[in-house]
Amino acid sequence: MENTNRSVFSLSGVTGMLIATVLLLSILAGLTVWGIKAQQEVANKPYTIKNPQTLKMRARDNSDQKVIVK
């Protein structure tokens, strides 16, 4: 049986590879921008701790001690 349906520029050839590469790079760029924006947003919200002496090691109640400075 002879393969006569070969095409370099089909979706399974160079064109498909370029589409996949552009798609992956655009996803990478989008996630990078999203991450940078999230870091900048959190960096602009400093916090203080109400009473540092009452903090316990590995306690779930430690999150209640955090106060966001406005």
Protein backbone atom coordinates (compact mmCIF):
# COMPACT_ATOMS: atom_id res chain seq x y z
CA MET A 1 0.00 0.00 0.00
CA GLU A 2 1.41 3.36 -0.99
CA ASN A 3 1.05 6.49 1.12
CA THR A 4 -0.07 9.15 -1.37
CA ASN A 5 -1.67 11.47 1.17
CA ARG A 6 1.59 12.91 2.48
CA SER A 7 1.66 16.66 2.86
CA VAL A 8 4.32 18.74 4.57
CA PHE A 9 1.95 21.66 5.23
CA SER A 10 -1.00 19.69 6.66
CA LEU A 11 -2.09 19.84 10.28
CA SER A 12 0.03 16.81 11.02
CA GLY A 13 3.08 18.40 9.41
CA VAL A 14 4.89 21.73 9.73
CA THR A 15 1.69 23.75 10.11
CA GLY A 16 0.48 21.63 13.01
CA MET A 17 3.85 21.90 14.71
CA LEU A 18 3.82 25.69 14.34
CA ILE A 19 0.25 25.93 15.66
CA ALA A 20 1.17 23.80 18.69
CA THR A 21 4.31 25.85 19.34
CA VAL A 22 2.47 29.17 19.12
CA LEU A 23 -0.31 27.85 21.35
CA LEU A 24 2.13 26.65 24.01
CA LEU A 25 4.11 29.91 23.92
CA SER A 26 0.94 31.99 24.23
CA ILE A 27 -0.18 29.90 27.22
CA LEU A 28 3.25 30.40 28.78
CA ALA A 29 3.11 34.16 28.20
CA GLY A 30 -0.41 34.40 29.61
CA LEU A 31 0.44 32.48 32.76
CA THR A 32 3.61 34.54 33.24
CA VAL A 33 1.72 37.84 32.98
CA TRP A 34 -0.99 36.51 35.29
CA GLY A 35 1.62 35.47 37.87
CA ILE A 36 3.46 38.78 37.73
CA LYS A 37 0.20 40.71 38.23
CA ALA A 38 -0.70 38.51 41.20
CA GLN A 39 2.71 39.07 42.80
CA GLN A 40 2.47 42.84 42.30
CA GLU A 41 -1.00 42.91 43.82
CA VAL A 42 0.09 40.99 46.91
CA ALA A 43 3.26 43.07 47.26
CA ASN A 44 1.14 46.22 47.60
CA LYS A 45 -0.77 44.78 50.57
CA PRO A 46 1.65 44.52 53.50
CA TYR A 47 0.45 42.93 56.72
CA THR A 48 1.36 42.98 60.39
CA ILE A 49 0.89 40.39 63.11
CA LYS A 50 -1.34 41.27 66.07
CA ASN A 51 0.62 39.52 68.78
CA PRO A 52 3.75 37.66 67.65
CA GLN A 53 4.24 36.07 71.09
CA THR A 54 1.01 34.03 70.76
CA LEU A 55 2.05 32.37 67.47
CA LYS A 56 2.44 28.62 67.66
CA MET A 57 4.43 26.35 65.42
CA ARG A 58 2.21 24.76 62.72
CA ALA A 59 -1.07 26.01 64.14
CA ARG A 60 -4.13 26.71 62.00
CA ASP A 61 -5.04 29.68 64.18
CA ASN A 62 -1.98 31.64 63.02
CA SER A 63 -3.89 32.98 60.01
CA ASP A 64 -6.20 34.87 62.37
CA GLN A 65 -3.23 36.86 63.68
CA LYS A 66 -2.54 38.53 60.31
CA VAL A 67 -3.86 42.07 59.79
CA ILE A 68 -3.63 43.71 56.35
CA VAL A 69 -2.34 47.29 56.58
CA LYS A 70 -4.41 49.72 54.56
